[in-house]
């Protein structure tokens, strides 16, 4: 098991577009893919 540095995955200040199901996990927005939306 390895840990990933989040700053290397998505640096601050980057603009991204994502399609998925948006929910809050402990007050933090989270986007997850689903079977009905094939793109993520």
PDB file of N, CA and C in Angstrom:
ATOM      1  N   UNK A   1       0.857  -1.173   0.000  1.00  0.00           N
ATOM      2  CA  UNK A   1       0.000   0.000   0.000  1.00  0.00           C
ATOM      3  C   UNK A   1       0.901   1.233   0.000  1.00  0.00           C
ATOM      4  N   UNK A   2       0.600   2.158  -0.882  1.00  0.00           N
ATOM      5  CA  UNK A   2       1.388   3.387  -0.954  1.00  0.00           C
ATOM      6  C   UNK A   2       0.507   4.599  -0.750  1.00  0.00           C
ATOM      7  N   UNK A   3       1.106   5.663  -0.313  1.00  0.00           N
ATOM      8  CA  UNK A   3       0.383   6.921  -0.132  1.00  0.00           C
ATOM      9  C   UNK A   3       0.705   7.849  -1.292  1.00  0.00           C
ATOM     10  N   UNK A   4      -0.313   8.563  -1.766  1.00  0.00           N
ATOM     11  CA  UNK A   4      -0.122   9.508  -2.854  1.00  0.00           C
ATOM     12  C   UNK A   4      -0.151  10.924  -2.314  1.00  0.00           C
ATOM     13  N   UNK A   5       0.694  11.753  -2.850  1.00  0.00           N
ATOM     14  CA  UNK A   5       0.734  13.167  -2.475  1.00  0.00           C
ATOM     15  C   UNK A   5      -0.331  13.892  -3.290  1.00  0.00           C
ATOM     16  N   UNK A   6      -1.392  14.363  -2.632  1.00  0.00           N
ATOM     17  CA  UNK A   6      -2.514  14.977  -3.336  1.00  0.00           C
ATOM     18  C   UNK A   6      -2.096  16.178  -4.165  1.00  0.00           C
ATOM     19  N   UNK A   7      -1.102  16.925  -3.727  1.00  0.00           N
ATOM     20  CA  UNK A   7      -0.664  18.093  -4.479  1.00  0.00           C
ATOM     21  C   UNK A   7      -0.102  17.705  -5.836  1.00  0.00           C
ATOM     22  N   UNK A   8       0.459  16.507  -5.956  1.00  0.00           N
ATOM     23  CA  UNK A   8       1.005  16.058  -7.236  1.00  0.00           C
ATOM     24  C   UNK A   8      -0.107  15.595  -8.172  1.00  0.00           C
ATOM     25  N   UNK A   9      -1.199  15.107  -7.618  1.00  0.00           N
ATOM     26  CA  UNK A   9      -2.315  14.653  -8.443  1.00  0.00           C
ATOM     27  C   UNK A   9      -3.098  15.843  -8.975  1.00  0.00           C
ATOM     28  N   UNK A  10      -3.444  16.775  -8.120  1.00  0.00           N
ATOM     29  CA  UNK A  10      -4.227  17.948  -8.503  1.00  0.00           C
ATOM     30  C   UNK A  10      -3.653  19.177  -7.806  1.00  0.00           C
ATOM     31  N   UNK A  11      -2.718  19.843  -8.468  1.00  0.00           N
ATOM     32  CA  UNK A  11      -2.110  21.021  -7.850  1.00  0.00           C
ATOM     33  C   UNK A  11      -3.133  22.120  -7.607  1.00  0.00           C
ATOM     34  N   UNK A  12      -2.963  22.904  -6.550  1.00  0.00           N
ATOM     35  CA  UNK A  12      -3.875  24.023  -6.287  1.00  0.00           C
ATOM     36  C   UNK A  12      -3.872  25.006  -7.457  1.00  0.00           C
ATOM     37  N   UNK A  13      -5.032  25.584  -7.734  1.00  0.00           N
ATOM     38  CA  UNK A  13      -5.139  26.561  -8.811  1.00  0.00           C
ATOM     39  C   UNK A  13      -5.483  25.960 -10.154  1.00  0.00           C
ATOM     40  N   UNK A  14      -5.566  24.641 -10.255  1.00  0.00           N
ATOM     41  CA  UNK A  14      -5.922  23.992 -11.510  1.00  0.00           C
ATOM     42  C   UNK A  14      -7.431  23.997 -11.679  1.00  0.00           C
ATOM     43  N   UNK A  15      -7.876  24.181 -12.916  1.00  0.00           N
ATOM     44  CA  UNK A  15      -9.300  24.118 -13.227  1.00  0.00           C
ATOM     45  C   UNK A  15      -9.570  22.738 -13.811  1.00  0.00           C
ATOM     46  N   UNK A  16     -10.531  22.020 -13.235  1.00  0.00           N
ATOM     47  CA  UNK A  16     -10.877  20.696 -13.748  1.00  0.00           C
ATOM     48  C   UNK A  16     -12.367  20.638 -14.037  1.00  0.00           C
ATOM     49  N   UNK A  17     -12.735  19.700 -14.882  1.00  0.00           N
ATOM     50  CA  UNK A  17     -14.136  19.420 -15.160  1.00  0.00           C
ATOM     51  C   UNK A  17     -14.349  17.933 -14.894  1.00  0.00           C
ATOM     52  N   UNK A  18     -15.370  17.603 -14.124  1.00  0.00           N
ATOM     53  CA  UNK A  18     -15.660  16.210 -13.811  1.00  0.00           C
ATOM     54  C   UNK A  18     -17.154  15.966 -13.917  1.00  0.00           C
ATOM     55  N   UNK A  19     -17.503  14.764 -14.364  1.00  0.00           N
ATOM     56  CA  UNK A  19     -18.898  14.348 -14.439  1.00  0.00           C
ATOM     57  C   UNK A  19     -19.046  13.162 -13.510  1.00  0.00           C
ATOM     58  N   UNK A  20     -19.981  13.244 -12.587  1.00  0.00           N
ATOM     59  CA  UNK A  20     -20.184  12.154 -11.648  1.00  0.00           C
ATOM     60  C   UNK A  20     -21.214  12.537 -10.613  1.00  0.00           C
ATOM     61  N   UNK A  21     -21.273  11.756  -9.561  1.00  0.00           N
ATOM     62  CA  UNK A  21     -22.202  12.023  -8.469  1.00  0.00           C
ATOM     63  C   UNK A  21     -21.478  12.818  -7.393  1.00  0.00           C
ATOM     64  N   UNK A  22     -22.006  13.979  -7.075  1.00  0.00           N
ATOM     65  CA  UNK A  22     -21.377  14.845  -6.077  1.00  0.00           C
ATOM     66  C   UNK A  22     -22.056  14.641  -4.726  1.00  0.00           C
ATOM     67  N   UNK A  23     -21.247  14.482  -3.690  1.00  0.00           N
ATOM     68  CA  UNK A  23     -21.778  14.341  -2.337  1.00  0.00           C
ATOM     69  C   UNK A  23     -20.786  14.976  -1.369  1.00  0.00           C
ATOM     70  N   UNK A  24     -21.194  15.096  -0.123  1.00  0.00           N
ATOM     71  CA  UNK A  24     -20.307  15.631   0.911  1.00  0.00           C
ATOM     72  C   UNK A  24     -19.890  14.503   1.843  1.00  0.00           C
ATOM     73  N   UNK A  25     -18.588  14.379   2.073  1.00  0.00           N
ATOM     74  CA  UNK A  25     -18.042  13.426   3.028  1.00  0.00           C
ATOM     75  C   UNK A  25     -17.395  14.243   4.140  1.00  0.00           C
ATOM     76  N   UNK A  26     -18.005  14.278   5.304  1.00  0.00           N
ATOM     77  CA  UNK A  26     -17.495  15.067   6.432  1.00  0.00           C
ATOM     78  C   UNK A  26     -17.315  16.534   6.053  1.00  0.00           C
ATOM     79  N   UNK A  27     -18.245  17.061   5.254  1.00  0.00           N
ATOM     80  CA  UNK A  27     -18.191  18.462   4.862  1.00  0.00           C
ATOM     81  C   UNK A  27     -17.283  18.762   3.680  1.00  0.00           C
ATOM     82  N   UNK A  28     -16.670  17.725   3.097  1.00  0.00           N
ATOM     83  CA  UNK A  28     -15.763  17.904   1.961  1.00  0.00           C
ATOM     84  C   UNK A  28     -16.455  17.401   0.694  1.00  0.00           C
ATOM     85  N   UNK A  29     -16.549  18.239  -0.361  1.00  0.00           N
ATOM     86  CA  UNK A  29     -17.184  17.777  -1.599  1.00  0.00           C
ATOM     87  C   UNK A  29     -16.398  16.631  -2.226  1.00  0.00           C
ATOM     88  N   UNK A  30     -17.126  15.633  -2.731  1.00  0.00           N
ATOM     89  CA  UNK A  30     -16.500  14.454  -3.321  1.00  0.00           C
ATOM     90  C   UNK A  30     -17.287  14.073  -4.568  1.00  0.00           C
ATOM     91  N   UNK A  31     -16.598  13.800  -5.674  1.00  0.00           N
ATOM     92  CA  UNK A  31     -17.251  13.377  -6.912  1.00  0.00           C
ATOM     93  C   UNK A  31     -16.848  11.938  -7.185  1.00  0.00           C
ATOM     94  N   UNK A  32     -17.853  11.074  -7.400  1.00  0.00           N
ATOM     95  CA  UNK A  32     -17.606   9.662  -7.666  1.00  0.00           C
ATOM     96  C   UNK A  32     -18.239   9.277  -8.998  1.00  0.00           C
ATOM     97  N   UNK A  33     -17.636   8.324  -9.731  1.00  0.00           N
ATOM     98  CA  UNK A  33     -18.246   7.836 -10.955  1.00  0.00           C
ATOM     99  C   UNK A  33     -19.423   6.931 -10.620  1.00  0.00           C
ATOM    100  N   UNK A  34     -20.290   6.692 -11.605  1.00  0.00           N
ATOM    101  CA  UNK A  34     -21.372   5.732 -11.424  1.00  0.00           C
ATOM    102  C   UNK A  34     -21.611   5.012 -12.744  1.00  0.00           C
ATOM    103  N   UNK A  35     -22.315   3.894 -12.719  1.00  0.00           N
ATOM    104  CA  UNK A  35     -22.550   3.082 -13.915  1.00  0.00           C
ATOM    105  C   UNK A  35     -23.350   3.830 -14.975  1.00  0.00           C
ATOM    106  N   UNK A  36     -24.257   4.717 -14.568  1.00  0.00           N
ATOM    107  CA  UNK A  36     -25.083   5.453 -15.517  1.00  0.00           C
ATOM    108  C   UNK A  36     -24.292   6.551 -16.233  1.00  0.00           C
ATOM    109  N   UNK A  37     -23.175   6.981 -15.659  1.00  0.00           N
ATOM    110  CA  UNK A  37     -22.326   8.007 -16.271  1.00  0.00           C
ATOM    111  C   UNK A  37     -20.985   7.359 -16.615  1.00  0.00           C
ATOM    112  N   UNK A  38     -20.795   6.943 -17.875  1.00  0.00           N
ATOM    113  CA  UNK A  38     -19.578   6.200 -18.235  1.00  0.00           C
ATOM    114  C   UNK A  38     -18.305   7.035 -18.205  1.00  0.00           C
ATOM    115  N   UNK A  39     -18.418   8.363 -18.237  1.00  0.00           N
ATOM    116  CA  UNK A  39     -17.227   9.224 -18.221  1.00  0.00           C
ATOM    117  C   UNK A  39     -16.996   9.768 -16.827  1.00  0.00           C
ATOM    118  N   UNK A  40     -15.730   9.877 -16.457  1.00  0.00           N
ATOM    119  CA  UNK A  40     -15.399  10.470 -15.165  1.00  0.00           C
ATOM    120  C   UNK A  40     -14.181  11.342 -15.340  1.00  0.00           C
TER     121      UNK A  40
END
